[in-house]
Amino acid sequence: MKVGVLALQGDIREHLRALEECGVDPISVRRTTEIESIDALILPGGESTTIAHLAQVFDVFDLIAERISAGMPVYGSCAGMILLADRIIDAAKEQKTFGGLDITVRRNAFGRQVDSFESDLVVAGITPAPMRAVFIRAPWVEEVGAGVQVLASVKGSDGTSHPVAVRQNGILATSFHPELTGDNRIHRYFIEQVCAGSPAFK
């Protein structure tokens, strides 16, 4: 299985390292031929509008959207969650997403950079032991479609519990950054459960 990390902007090296520690030999991808060659993709944390813009500059935006729509397994962390969402609240002007994940996300839902925080989360399907989750200008999920499984939630400033880890078939997304903690359980889950369960690998 060939796993790529979209190398346009964001936590690229951290995701590459996490995958290597899971026994995967990942590649950085940004060009058409590279994206056509992979079996699964990771969209890193960073700035969602910048990543989307650069994907258009490199002329790979439509290709990535098409491959996701066709069933390529994909995992997005933070900005990656926004890029996978079908709907965005507080979107930047003319902001585009690859889509594929039947959720509505709210950008910067937990606040600005100074409001970044860490929390211990139990993520369904990983292990019963909590994992440390790092939230940096993170989105949260406002609504999920019928086919979306909520794996973890966090209480927001509005006092309501909001999903921060979700899965829909071959698409996995988290509001937080597991690539920054050294805890590779999310990446391992993506490889061993999400990718392995995809029709593309059956």
N, C-alpha and C. Protein backbone atom coordinates (compact mmCIF):
# COMPACT_ATOMS: atom_id res chain seq x y z
N MET A 1 0.84 -1.19 0.00
CA MET A 1 0.00 0.00 0.00
C MET A 1 0.88 1.24 0.00
N LYS A 2 0.59 2.15 -0.90
CA LYS A 2 1.37 3.37 -1.05
C LYS A 2 0.57 4.54 -0.49
N VAL A 3 1.07 5.14 0.59
CA VAL A 3 0.37 6.23 1.27
C VAL A 3 1.10 7.54 1.02
N GLY A 4 0.36 8.54 0.59
CA GLY A 4 0.93 9.86 0.35
C GLY A 4 0.47 10.87 1.38
N VAL A 5 1.32 11.86 1.64
CA VAL A 5 0.96 13.01 2.48
C VAL A 5 0.98 14.22 1.56
N LEU A 6 -0.14 14.94 1.51
CA LEU A 6 -0.22 16.10 0.64
C LEU A 6 0.77 17.16 1.12
N ALA A 7 1.76 17.46 0.30
CA ALA A 7 2.91 18.27 0.72
C ALA A 7 2.84 19.67 0.14
N LEU A 8 1.76 20.38 0.44
CA LEU A 8 1.60 21.75 -0.03
C LEU A 8 1.83 22.76 1.09
N GLN A 9 1.36 22.44 2.29
CA GLN A 9 1.53 23.32 3.45
C GLN A 9 1.07 22.56 4.69
N GLY A 10 1.67 22.83 5.83
CA GLY A 10 1.21 22.22 7.08
C GLY A 10 2.18 21.23 7.67
N ASP A 11 1.64 20.34 8.53
CA ASP A 11 2.45 19.40 9.31
C ASP A 11 2.85 18.17 8.49
N ILE A 12 3.56 18.39 7.43
CA ILE A 12 3.88 17.32 6.49
C ILE A 12 4.88 16.33 7.09
N ARG A 13 6.00 16.85 7.59
CA ARG A 13 7.05 15.99 8.12
C ARG A 13 6.56 15.16 9.30
N GLU A 14 5.71 15.76 10.13
CA GLU A 14 5.20 15.05 11.30
C GLU A 14 4.34 13.85 10.89
N HIS A 15 3.53 14.03 9.86
CA HIS A 15 2.71 12.90 9.38
C HIS A 15 3.58 11.83 8.73
N LEU A 16 4.59 12.25 7.97
CA LEU A 16 5.49 11.28 7.36
C LEU A 16 6.19 10.45 8.43
N ARG A 17 6.63 11.11 9.50
CA ARG A 17 7.31 10.40 10.57
C ARG A 17 6.37 9.41 11.26
N ALA A 18 5.14 9.84 11.54
CA ALA A 18 4.18 8.96 12.20
C ALA A 18 3.90 7.71 11.36
N LEU A 19 3.77 7.90 10.05
CA LEU A 19 3.53 6.75 9.18
C LEU A 19 4.73 5.82 9.15
N GLU A 20 5.93 6.38 9.11
CA GLU A 20 7.13 5.54 9.13
C GLU A 20 7.20 4.72 10.41
N GLU A 21 6.82 5.32 11.52
CA GLU A 21 6.82 4.60 12.80
C GLU A 21 5.75 3.52 12.85
N CYS A 22 4.77 3.59 11.94
CA CYS A 22 3.75 2.56 11.83
C CYS A 22 4.15 1.48 10.81
N GLY A 23 5.36 1.57 10.30
CA GLY A 23 5.84 0.57 9.36
C GLY A 23 5.48 0.83 7.91
N VAL A 24 5.03 2.05 7.62
CA VAL A 24 4.67 2.43 6.25
C VAL A 24 5.80 3.27 5.66
N ASP A 25 6.02 3.11 4.36
CA ASP A 25 7.02 3.92 3.65
C ASP A 25 6.27 4.99 2.85
N PRO A 26 5.97 6.14 3.48
CA PRO A 26 5.12 7.14 2.84
C PRO A 26 5.89 8.01 1.85
N ILE A 27 5.15 8.75 1.03
CA ILE A 27 5.77 9.69 0.12
C ILE A 27 5.05 11.04 0.22
N SER A 28 5.81 12.11 -0.02
CA SER A 28 5.21 13.44 -0.13
C SER A 28 4.65 13.57 -1.54
N VAL A 29 3.43 14.10 -1.64
CA VAL A 29 2.81 14.24 -2.97
C VAL A 29 2.30 15.66 -3.16
N ARG A 30 2.49 16.17 -4.37
CA ARG A 30 1.95 17.48 -4.72
C ARG A 30 1.67 17.60 -6.21
N ARG A 31 2.13 16.65 -7.00
CA ARG A 31 1.95 16.72 -8.45
C ARG A 31 1.00 15.61 -8.92
N THR A 32 0.48 15.80 -10.11
CA THR A 32 -0.52 14.87 -10.64
C THR A 32 -0.04 13.43 -10.65
N THR A 33 1.15 13.19 -11.20
CA THR A 33 1.64 11.82 -11.31
C THR A 33 1.82 11.17 -9.94
N GLU A 34 2.22 11.98 -8.95
CA GLU A 34 2.42 11.45 -7.59
C GLU A 34 1.08 11.07 -6.98
N ILE A 35 0.08 11.91 -7.15
CA ILE A 35 -1.23 11.63 -6.56
C ILE A 35 -1.91 10.46 -7.26
N GLU A 36 -1.67 10.33 -8.56
CA GLU A 36 -2.23 9.19 -9.30
C GLU A 36 -1.60 7.87 -8.85
N SER A 37 -0.40 7.93 -8.26
CA SER A 37 0.32 6.70 -7.93
C SER A 37 -0.01 6.14 -6.56
N ILE A 38 -0.69 6.91 -5.71
CA ILE A 38 -0.90 6.47 -4.33
C ILE A 38 -2.21 5.71 -4.16
N ASP A 39 -2.26 4.94 -3.06
CA ASP A 39 -3.46 4.17 -2.71
C ASP A 39 -4.29 4.85 -1.63
N ALA A 40 -3.65 5.71 -0.82
CA ALA A 40 -4.32 6.40 0.28
C ALA A 40 -3.61 7.74 0.49
N LEU A 41 -4.33 8.69 1.12
CA LEU A 41 -3.80 10.04 1.25
C LEU A 41 -4.06 10.60 2.63
N ILE A 42 -3.09 11.38 3.13
CA ILE A 42 -3.28 12.14 4.36
C ILE A 42 -3.24 13.63 4.04
N LEU A 43 -4.24 14.36 4.55
CA LEU A 43 -4.29 15.81 4.44
C LEU A 43 -3.86 16.39 5.77
N PRO A 44 -2.72 17.07 5.84
CA PRO A 44 -2.16 17.49 7.13
C PRO A 44 -2.85 18.71 7.70
N GLY A 45 -2.60 18.93 9.00
CA GLY A 45 -3.03 20.17 9.62
C GLY A 45 -2.24 21.32 9.05
N GLY A 46 -2.83 22.49 9.04
CA GLY A 46 -2.19 23.68 8.48
C GLY A 46 -3.26 24.74 8.30
N GLU A 47 -3.28 25.38 7.16
CA GLU A 47 -4.27 26.40 6.83
C GLU A 47 -5.10 25.89 5.66
N SER A 48 -6.36 25.62 5.91
CA SER A 48 -7.20 24.97 4.90
C SER A 48 -7.33 25.79 3.62
N THR A 49 -7.46 27.11 3.75
CA THR A 49 -7.60 27.94 2.55
C THR A 49 -6.32 27.94 1.73
N THR A 50 -5.17 27.95 2.40
CA THR A 50 -3.89 27.92 1.70
C THR A 50 -3.69 26.60 0.97
N ILE A 51 -4.01 25.50 1.65
CA ILE A 51 -3.85 24.19 1.03
C ILE A 51 -4.75 24.07 -0.20
N ALA A 52 -6.00 24.52 -0.07
CA ALA A 52 -6.92 24.46 -1.20
C ALA A 52 -6.43 25.32 -2.36
N HIS A 53 -5.93 26.51 -2.03
CA HIS A 53 -5.42 27.41 -3.08
C HIS A 53 -4.23 26.79 -3.79
N LEU A 54 -3.28 26.24 -3.02
CA LEU A 54 -2.09 25.64 -3.63
C LEU A 54 -2.44 24.40 -4.44
N ALA A 55 -3.45 23.66 -4.00
CA ALA A 55 -3.89 22.49 -4.78
C ALA A 55 -4.40 22.91 -6.15
N GLN A 56 -5.02 24.09 -6.21
CA GLN A 56 -5.48 24.62 -7.50
C GLN A 56 -4.29 25.13 -8.32
N VAL A 57 -3.33 25.79 -7.65
CA VAL A 57 -2.13 26.27 -8.35
C VAL A 57 -1.37 25.11 -8.98
N PHE A 58 -1.25 24.00 -8.23
CA PHE A 58 -0.53 22.82 -8.73
C PHE A 58 -1.41 21.96 -9.62
N ASP A 59 -2.66 22.40 -9.84
CA ASP A 59 -3.60 21.72 -10.73
C ASP A 59 -3.89 20.28 -10.30
N VAL A 60 -4.03 20.10 -8.98
CA VAL A 60 -4.37 18.76 -8.47
C VAL A 60 -5.66 18.77 -7.65
N PHE A 61 -6.29 19.92 -7.51
CA PHE A 61 -7.49 20.00 -6.66
C PHE A 61 -8.58 19.04 -7.15
N ASP A 62 -8.93 19.14 -8.43
CA ASP A 62 -10.00 18.30 -8.96
C ASP A 62 -9.61 16.82 -8.93
N LEU A 63 -8.35 16.52 -9.18
CA LEU A 63 -7.90 15.13 -9.15
C LEU A 63 -8.07 14.54 -7.76
N ILE A 64 -7.67 15.29 -6.72
CA ILE A 64 -7.82 14.80 -5.35
C ILE A 64 -9.29 14.59 -5.02
N ALA A 65 -10.14 15.55 -5.38
CA ALA A 65 -11.57 15.41 -5.12
C ALA A 65 -12.15 14.19 -5.82
N GLU A 66 -11.72 13.97 -7.05
CA GLU A 66 -12.21 12.82 -7.82
C GLU A 66 -11.76 11.50 -7.21
N ARG A 67 -10.51 11.44 -6.75
CA ARG A 67 -10.00 10.20 -6.17
C ARG A 67 -10.70 9.90 -4.84
N ILE A 68 -10.97 10.94 -4.05
CA ILE A 68 -11.72 10.74 -2.81
C ILE A 68 -13.12 10.25 -3.11
N SER A 69 -13.77 10.87 -4.09
CA SER A 69 -15.12 10.47 -4.48
C SER A 69 -15.16 9.04 -4.99
N ALA A 70 -14.05 8.60 -5.61
CA ALA A 70 -13.98 7.24 -6.16
C ALA A 70 -13.64 6.20 -5.10
N GLY A 71 -13.37 6.64 -3.86
CA GLY A 71 -13.17 5.67 -2.78
C GLY A 71 -11.76 5.56 -2.23
N MET A 72 -10.84 6.44 -2.67
CA MET A 72 -9.50 6.39 -2.10
C MET A 72 -9.56 6.72 -0.61
N PRO A 73 -9.00 5.87 0.27
CA PRO A 73 -8.99 6.19 1.70
C PRO A 73 -8.21 7.47 1.97
N VAL A 74 -8.72 8.29 2.88
CA VAL A 74 -8.07 9.56 3.18
C VAL A 74 -8.28 9.91 4.65
N TYR A 75 -7.25 10.47 5.26
CA TYR A 75 -7.33 10.95 6.64
C TYR A 75 -6.94 12.41 6.67
N GLY A 76 -7.74 13.24 7.33
CA GLY A 76 -7.43 14.65 7.47
C GLY A 76 -7.40 15.07 8.91
N SER A 77 -6.34 15.78 9.31
CA SER A 77 -6.25 16.31 10.68
C SER A 77 -6.41 17.82 10.65
N CYS A 78 -7.29 18.34 11.50
CA CYS A 78 -7.54 19.78 11.65
C CYS A 78 -7.93 20.42 10.32
N ALA A 79 -7.01 21.12 9.65
CA ALA A 79 -7.33 21.69 8.34
C ALA A 79 -7.79 20.61 7.38
N GLY A 80 -7.22 19.42 7.53
CA GLY A 80 -7.63 18.29 6.68
C GLY A 80 -9.09 17.93 6.87
N MET A 81 -9.60 18.05 8.11
CA MET A 81 -11.01 17.81 8.35
C MET A 81 -11.87 18.82 7.58
N ILE A 82 -11.46 20.08 7.62
CA ILE A 82 -12.20 21.13 6.90
C ILE A 82 -12.20 20.83 5.40
N LEU A 83 -11.07 20.41 4.87
CA LEU A 83 -10.95 20.14 3.44
C LEU A 83 -11.78 18.94 3.01
N LEU A 84 -12.11 18.06 3.94
CA LEU A 84 -12.92 16.88 3.62
C LEU A 84 -14.41 17.12 3.80
N ALA A 85 -14.76 18.16 4.55
CA ALA A 85 -16.17 18.41 4.88
C ALA A 85 -16.96 18.84 3.65
N ASP A 86 -18.20 18.38 3.58
CA ASP A 86 -19.09 18.81 2.49
C ASP A 86 -19.62 20.23 2.72
N ARG A 87 -19.65 20.65 4.02
CA ARG A 87 -20.22 21.96 4.33
C ARG A 87 -19.39 22.64 5.41
N ILE A 88 -19.22 23.99 5.29
CA ILE A 88 -18.42 24.76 6.24
C ILE A 88 -19.21 25.95 6.75
N ILE A 89 -19.16 26.15 8.07
CA ILE A 89 -19.69 27.36 8.69
C ILE A 89 -18.51 28.29 8.95
N ASP A 90 -18.70 29.59 8.71
CA ASP A 90 -17.64 30.60 8.84
C ASP A 90 -16.52 30.35 7.83
N ALA A 91 -16.89 29.90 6.65
CA ALA A 91 -15.89 29.67 5.61
C ALA A 91 -15.32 30.99 5.12
N ALA A 92 -14.07 30.93 4.68
CA ALA A 92 -13.47 32.10 4.03
C ALA A 92 -14.17 32.31 2.70
N LYS A 93 -14.07 33.51 2.16
CA LYS A 93 -14.73 33.83 0.91
C LYS A 93 -14.28 32.89 -0.21
N GLU A 94 -15.25 32.27 -0.87
CA GLU A 94 -15.02 31.35 -1.98
C GLU A 94 -14.16 30.15 -1.58
N GLN A 95 -14.18 29.78 -0.31
CA GLN A 95 -13.39 28.62 0.14
C GLN A 95 -13.92 27.33 -0.47
N LYS A 96 -13.02 26.51 -0.98
CA LYS A 96 -13.38 25.24 -1.59
C LYS A 96 -12.88 24.09 -0.73
N THR A 97 -13.59 22.96 -0.81
CA THR A 97 -13.13 21.75 -0.14
C THR A 97 -13.15 20.60 -1.14
N PHE A 98 -12.37 19.57 -0.83
CA PHE A 98 -12.41 18.36 -1.64
C PHE A 98 -13.73 17.63 -1.43
N GLY A 99 -14.26 17.73 -0.21
CA GLY A 99 -15.54 17.09 0.09
C GLY A 99 -15.41 15.58 0.23
N GLY A 100 -16.57 14.94 0.35
CA GLY A 100 -16.61 13.49 0.50
C GLY A 100 -17.10 13.05 1.86
N LEU A 101 -16.96 13.93 2.87
CA LEU A 101 -17.36 13.60 4.24
C LEU A 101 -18.63 14.37 4.57
N ASP A 102 -19.69 13.65 4.86
CA ASP A 102 -21.02 14.24 5.05
C ASP A 102 -21.14 14.88 6.43
N ILE A 103 -20.39 15.96 6.62
CA ILE A 103 -20.42 16.70 7.88
C ILE A 103 -20.46 18.19 7.59
N THR A 104 -20.92 18.94 8.60
CA THR A 104 -20.80 20.40 8.60
C THR A 104 -19.79 20.78 9.67
N VAL A 105 -18.73 21.48 9.31
CA VAL A 105 -17.72 21.89 10.28
C VAL A 105 -17.77 23.40 10.49
N ARG A 106 -17.34 23.82 11.66
CA ARG A 106 -17.19 25.24 11.95
C ARG A 106 -15.70 25.54 12.07
N ARG A 107 -15.21 26.43 11.22
CA ARG A 107 -13.79 26.81 11.26
C ARG A 107 -13.47 27.56 12.55
N ASN A 108 -12.25 27.32 13.07
CA ASN A 108 -11.76 28.02 14.27
C ASN A 108 -12.78 28.00 15.40
N ALA A 109 -13.46 26.87 15.53
CA ALA A 109 -14.58 26.78 16.47
C ALA A 109 -14.16 26.96 17.93
N PHE A 110 -12.96 26.51 18.26
CA PHE A 110 -12.50 26.59 19.65
C PHE A 110 -11.80 27.91 19.96
N GLY A 111 -11.68 28.78 18.97
CA GLY A 111 -11.05 30.08 19.21
C GLY A 111 -9.78 30.25 18.39
N ARG A 112 -9.06 31.31 18.72
CA ARG A 112 -7.84 31.66 17.99
C ARG A 112 -6.65 30.84 18.49
N GLN A 113 -5.47 31.19 17.95
CA GLN A 113 -4.24 30.48 18.32
C GLN A 113 -4.03 30.49 19.83
N VAL A 114 -4.32 31.61 20.49
CA VAL A 114 -4.10 31.72 21.94
C VAL A 114 -5.06 30.84 22.72
N ASP A 115 -6.11 30.35 22.07
CA ASP A 115 -7.08 29.48 22.74
C ASP A 115 -6.77 28.00 22.52
N SER A 116 -5.62 27.71 21.94
CA SER A 116 -5.22 26.32 21.72
C SER A 116 -5.14 25.59 23.06
N PHE A 117 -5.44 24.29 23.03
CA PHE A 117 -5.46 23.54 24.28
C PHE A 117 -5.21 22.06 24.01
N GLU A 118 -5.00 21.30 25.08
CA GLU A 118 -4.85 19.86 24.99
C GLU A 118 -5.89 19.19 25.86
N SER A 119 -6.29 17.99 25.46
CA SER A 119 -7.31 17.27 26.22
C SER A 119 -7.07 15.77 26.07
N ASP A 120 -7.43 14.99 27.08
CA ASP A 120 -7.35 13.54 27.00
C ASP A 120 -8.66 13.00 26.46
N LEU A 121 -8.58 12.25 25.37
CA LEU A 121 -9.77 11.75 24.69
C LEU A 121 -9.74 10.23 24.59
N VAL A 122 -10.89 9.62 24.77
CA VAL A 122 -11.06 8.22 24.41
C VAL A 122 -11.67 8.20 23.02
N VAL A 123 -10.97 7.61 22.07
CA VAL A 123 -11.42 7.56 20.68
C VAL A 123 -11.92 6.17 20.38
N ALA A 124 -13.18 6.06 20.03
CA ALA A 124 -13.80 4.75 19.77
C ALA A 124 -13.05 4.02 18.66
N GLY A 125 -12.82 2.72 18.90
CA GLY A 125 -12.15 1.89 17.90
C GLY A 125 -10.64 1.90 18.00
N ILE A 126 -10.09 2.77 18.85
CA ILE A 126 -8.64 2.83 19.03
C ILE A 126 -8.24 1.91 20.18
N THR A 127 -8.32 2.42 21.40
CA THR A 127 -8.14 1.62 22.61
C THR A 127 -8.94 2.30 23.70
N PRO A 128 -9.24 1.59 24.80
CA PRO A 128 -9.94 2.24 25.91
C PRO A 128 -9.11 3.32 26.58
N ALA A 129 -7.77 3.23 26.47
CA ALA A 129 -6.91 4.22 27.12
C ALA A 129 -7.00 5.56 26.40
N PRO A 130 -7.13 6.67 27.13
CA PRO A 130 -7.23 7.99 26.50
C PRO A 130 -5.95 8.34 25.74
N MET A 131 -6.10 9.20 24.76
CA MET A 131 -4.95 9.73 24.05
C MET A 131 -4.94 11.25 24.20
N ARG A 132 -3.74 11.82 24.20
CA ARG A 132 -3.61 13.26 24.34
C ARG A 132 -3.91 13.90 22.99
N ALA A 133 -4.84 14.85 22.98
CA ALA A 133 -5.25 15.50 21.74
C ALA A 133 -4.87 16.98 21.80
N VAL A 134 -4.20 17.46 20.76
CA VAL A 134 -3.76 18.84 20.67
C VAL A 134 -4.67 19.58 19.70
N PHE A 135 -5.32 20.65 20.19
CA PHE A 135 -6.23 21.44 19.38
C PHE A 135 -5.62 22.82 19.13
N ILE A 136 -5.39 23.17 17.86
CA ILE A 136 -4.79 24.45 17.49
C ILE A 136 -5.68 25.12 16.45
N ARG A 137 -6.35 26.20 16.84
CA ARG A 137 -7.31 26.86 15.94
C ARG A 137 -8.19 25.83 15.26
N ALA A 138 -8.70 24.92 16.05
CA ALA A 138 -9.34 23.72 15.52
C ALA A 138 -10.80 23.93 15.14
N PRO A 139 -11.26 23.17 14.16
CA PRO A 139 -12.69 23.15 13.87
C PRO A 139 -13.40 22.16 14.81
N TRP A 140 -14.71 22.25 14.84
CA TRP A 140 -15.49 21.14 15.40
C TRP A 140 -16.60 20.82 14.42
N VAL A 141 -17.25 19.70 14.64
CA VAL A 141 -18.32 19.25 13.76
C VAL A 141 -19.66 19.70 14.32
N GLU A 142 -20.41 20.43 13.52
CA GLU A 142 -21.74 20.90 13.93
C GLU A 142 -22.81 19.86 13.65
N GLU A 143 -22.72 19.20 12.50
CA GLU A 143 -23.72 18.22 12.09
C GLU A 143 -23.04 17.07 11.38
N VAL A 144 -23.59 15.87 11.56
CA VAL A 144 -23.09 14.70 10.84
C VAL A 144 -24.24 14.06 10.06
N GLY A 145 -23.90 13.52 8.90
CA GLY A 145 -24.88 12.79 8.12
C GLY A 145 -25.12 11.41 8.68
N ALA A 146 -26.12 10.74 8.13
CA ALA A 146 -26.53 9.43 8.67
C ALA A 146 -25.44 8.38 8.58
N GLY A 147 -24.54 8.51 7.61
CA GLY A 147 -23.51 7.49 7.44
C GLY A 147 -22.21 7.77 8.17
N VAL A 148 -22.19 8.82 8.98
CA VAL A 148 -20.96 9.23 9.67
C VAL A 148 -20.94 8.68 11.09
N GLN A 149 -19.83 8.06 11.45
CA GLN A 149 -19.63 7.52 12.80
C GLN A 149 -18.82 8.52 13.62
N VAL A 150 -19.34 8.92 14.78
CA VAL A 150 -18.62 9.81 15.68
C VAL A 150 -17.72 8.96 16.58
N LEU A 151 -16.42 9.25 16.56
CA LEU A 151 -15.45 8.48 17.34
C LEU A 151 -15.06 9.15 18.65
N ALA A 152 -15.15 10.48 18.71
CA ALA A 152 -14.80 11.22 19.93
C ALA A 152 -15.45 12.60 19.87
N SER A 153 -15.77 13.14 21.05
CA SER A 153 -16.38 14.46 21.16
C SER A 153 -15.74 15.24 22.29
N VAL A 154 -15.84 16.57 22.21
CA VAL A 154 -15.32 17.47 23.24
C VAL A 154 -16.35 18.56 23.48
N LYS A 155 -16.47 18.98 24.73
CA LYS A 155 -17.39 20.07 25.06
C LYS A 155 -16.77 21.40 24.65
N GLY A 156 -17.52 22.20 23.90
CA GLY A 156 -17.04 23.49 23.44
C GLY A 156 -17.39 24.61 24.39
N SER A 157 -16.98 25.82 24.03
CA SER A 157 -17.25 27.00 24.86
C SER A 157 -18.74 27.30 24.95
N ASP A 158 -19.51 26.73 24.02
CA ASP A 158 -20.96 26.93 24.06
C ASP A 158 -21.65 25.95 24.99
N GLY A 159 -20.84 25.10 25.66
CA GLY A 159 -21.39 24.15 26.62
C GLY A 159 -21.94 22.88 25.99
N THR A 160 -21.86 22.79 24.67
CA THR A 160 -22.37 21.63 23.95
C THR A 160 -21.23 20.72 23.54
N SER A 161 -21.48 19.43 23.56
CA SER A 161 -20.48 18.47 23.12
C SER A 161 -20.49 18.37 21.60
N HIS A 162 -19.30 18.51 21.00
CA HIS A 162 -19.18 18.48 19.54
C HIS A 162 -18.22 17.37 19.11
N PRO A 163 -18.55 16.65 18.03
CA PRO A 163 -17.63 15.65 17.51
C PRO A 163 -16.31 16.27 17.06
N VAL A 164 -15.21 15.58 17.39
CA VAL A 164 -13.88 16.02 16.97
C VAL A 164 -13.11 14.90 16.27
N ALA A 165 -13.71 13.73 16.16
CA ALA A 165 -13.14 12.63 15.39
C ALA A 165 -14.29 11.87 14.76
N VAL A 166 -14.26 11.72 13.45
CA VAL A 166 -15.36 11.08 12.73
C VAL A 166 -14.81 10.19 11.62
N ARG A 167 -15.65 9.23 11.24
CA ARG A 167 -15.30 8.34 10.14
C ARG A 167 -16.53 8.07 9.29
N GLN A 168 -16.34 8.09 7.99
CA GLN A 168 -17.38 7.68 7.05
C GLN A 168 -16.74 6.76 6.03
N ASN A 169 -16.95 5.47 6.19
CA ASN A 169 -16.35 4.48 5.32
C ASN A 169 -14.82 4.67 5.26
N GLY A 170 -14.29 5.04 4.08
CA GLY A 170 -12.84 5.18 3.94
C GLY A 170 -12.30 6.55 4.25
N ILE A 171 -13.11 7.40 4.87
CA ILE A 171 -12.65 8.74 5.21
C ILE A 171 -12.61 8.90 6.72
N LEU A 172 -11.47 9.33 7.24
CA LEU A 172 -11.26 9.57 8.67
C LEU A 172 -10.83 11.02 8.85
N ALA A 173 -11.35 11.67 9.89
CA ALA A 173 -10.96 13.07 10.13
C ALA A 173 -10.96 13.36 11.62
N THR A 174 -10.00 14.17 12.05
CA THR A 174 -9.93 14.62 13.44
C THR A 174 -9.73 16.12 13.47
N SER A 175 -10.32 16.77 14.49
CA SER A 175 -10.09 18.20 14.71
C SER A 175 -8.70 18.46 15.27
N PHE A 176 -8.13 17.46 15.90
CA PHE A 176 -6.86 17.60 16.61
C PHE A 176 -5.70 17.04 15.80
N HIS A 177 -4.50 17.18 16.35
CA HIS A 177 -3.25 16.88 15.64
C HIS A 177 -2.51 15.70 16.30
N PRO A 178 -2.85 14.47 15.99
CA PRO A 178 -2.09 13.35 16.58
C PRO A 178 -0.65 13.30 16.11
N GLU A 179 -0.37 13.92 14.98
CA GLU A 179 0.99 13.91 14.44
C GLU A 179 1.96 14.70 15.31
N LEU A 180 1.43 15.52 16.24
CA LEU A 180 2.29 16.35 17.08
C LEU A 180 2.61 15.74 18.43
N THR A 181 2.03 14.59 18.76
CA THR A 181 2.16 14.05 20.12
C THR A 181 3.07 12.84 20.23
N GLY A 182 3.40 12.21 19.12
CA GLY A 182 4.17 10.97 19.19
C GLY A 182 3.31 9.75 19.46
N ASP A 183 2.01 9.94 19.64
CA ASP A 183 1.07 8.84 19.81
C ASP A 183 0.49 8.51 18.44
N ASN A 184 0.86 7.35 17.91
CA ASN A 184 0.52 7.02 16.52
C ASN A 184 -0.72 6.16 16.38
N ARG A 185 -1.55 6.12 17.41
CA ARG A 185 -2.71 5.22 17.34
C ARG A 185 -3.71 5.63 16.25
N ILE A 186 -3.86 6.92 16.01
CA ILE A 186 -4.77 7.36 14.94
C ILE A 186 -4.24 6.93 13.58
N HIS A 187 -2.96 7.12 13.36
CA HIS A 187 -2.36 6.72 12.08
C HIS A 187 -2.43 5.19 11.90
N ARG A 188 -2.19 4.46 12.98
CA ARG A 188 -2.26 3.01 12.88
C ARG A 188 -3.68 2.56 12.59
N TYR A 189 -4.66 3.22 13.22
CA TYR A 189 -6.07 2.92 12.97
C TYR A 189 -6.41 3.19 11.50
N PHE A 190 -5.89 4.31 10.98
CA PHE A 190 -6.15 4.63 9.58
C PHE A 190 -5.60 3.54 8.66
N ILE A 191 -4.38 3.11 8.92
CA ILE A 191 -3.75 2.10 8.06
C ILE A 191 -4.41 0.74 8.22
N GLU A 192 -4.60 0.32 9.46
CA GLU A 192 -5.03 -1.06 9.73
C GLU A 192 -6.54 -1.25 9.68
N GLN A 193 -7.31 -0.20 9.90
CA GLN A 193 -8.77 -0.34 9.92
C GLN A 193 -9.42 0.36 8.73
N VAL A 194 -9.14 1.65 8.56
CA VAL A 194 -9.82 2.41 7.51
C VAL A 194 -9.35 1.95 6.13
N CYS A 195 -8.03 1.94 5.91
CA CYS A 195 -7.52 1.52 4.61
C CYS A 195 -7.80 0.05 4.35
N ALA A 196 -7.56 -0.79 5.35
CA ALA A 196 -7.77 -2.23 5.17
C ALA A 196 -9.23 -2.56 4.90
N GLY A 197 -10.15 -1.72 5.42
CA GLY A 197 -11.56 -1.97 5.22
C GLY A 197 -12.11 -1.37 3.94
N SER A 198 -11.27 -0.63 3.21
CA SER A 198 -11.72 0.00 1.98
C SER A 198 -11.89 -1.03 0.88
N PRO A 199 -12.93 -0.88 0.05
CA PRO A 199 -13.09 -1.81 -1.10
C PRO A 199 -11.87 -1.86 -1.98
N ALA A 200 -11.08 -0.78 -2.01
CA ALA A 200 -9.89 -0.75 -2.86
C ALA A 200 -8.85 -1.77 -2.44
N PHE A 201 -8.94 -2.26 -1.18
CA PHE A 201 -7.93 -3.19 -0.68
C PHE A 201 -8.51 -4.56 -0.40
N LYS A 202 -9.72 -4.81 -0.87
CA LYS A 202 -10.35 -6.12 -0.65
C LYS A 202 -10.19 -6.99 -1.89
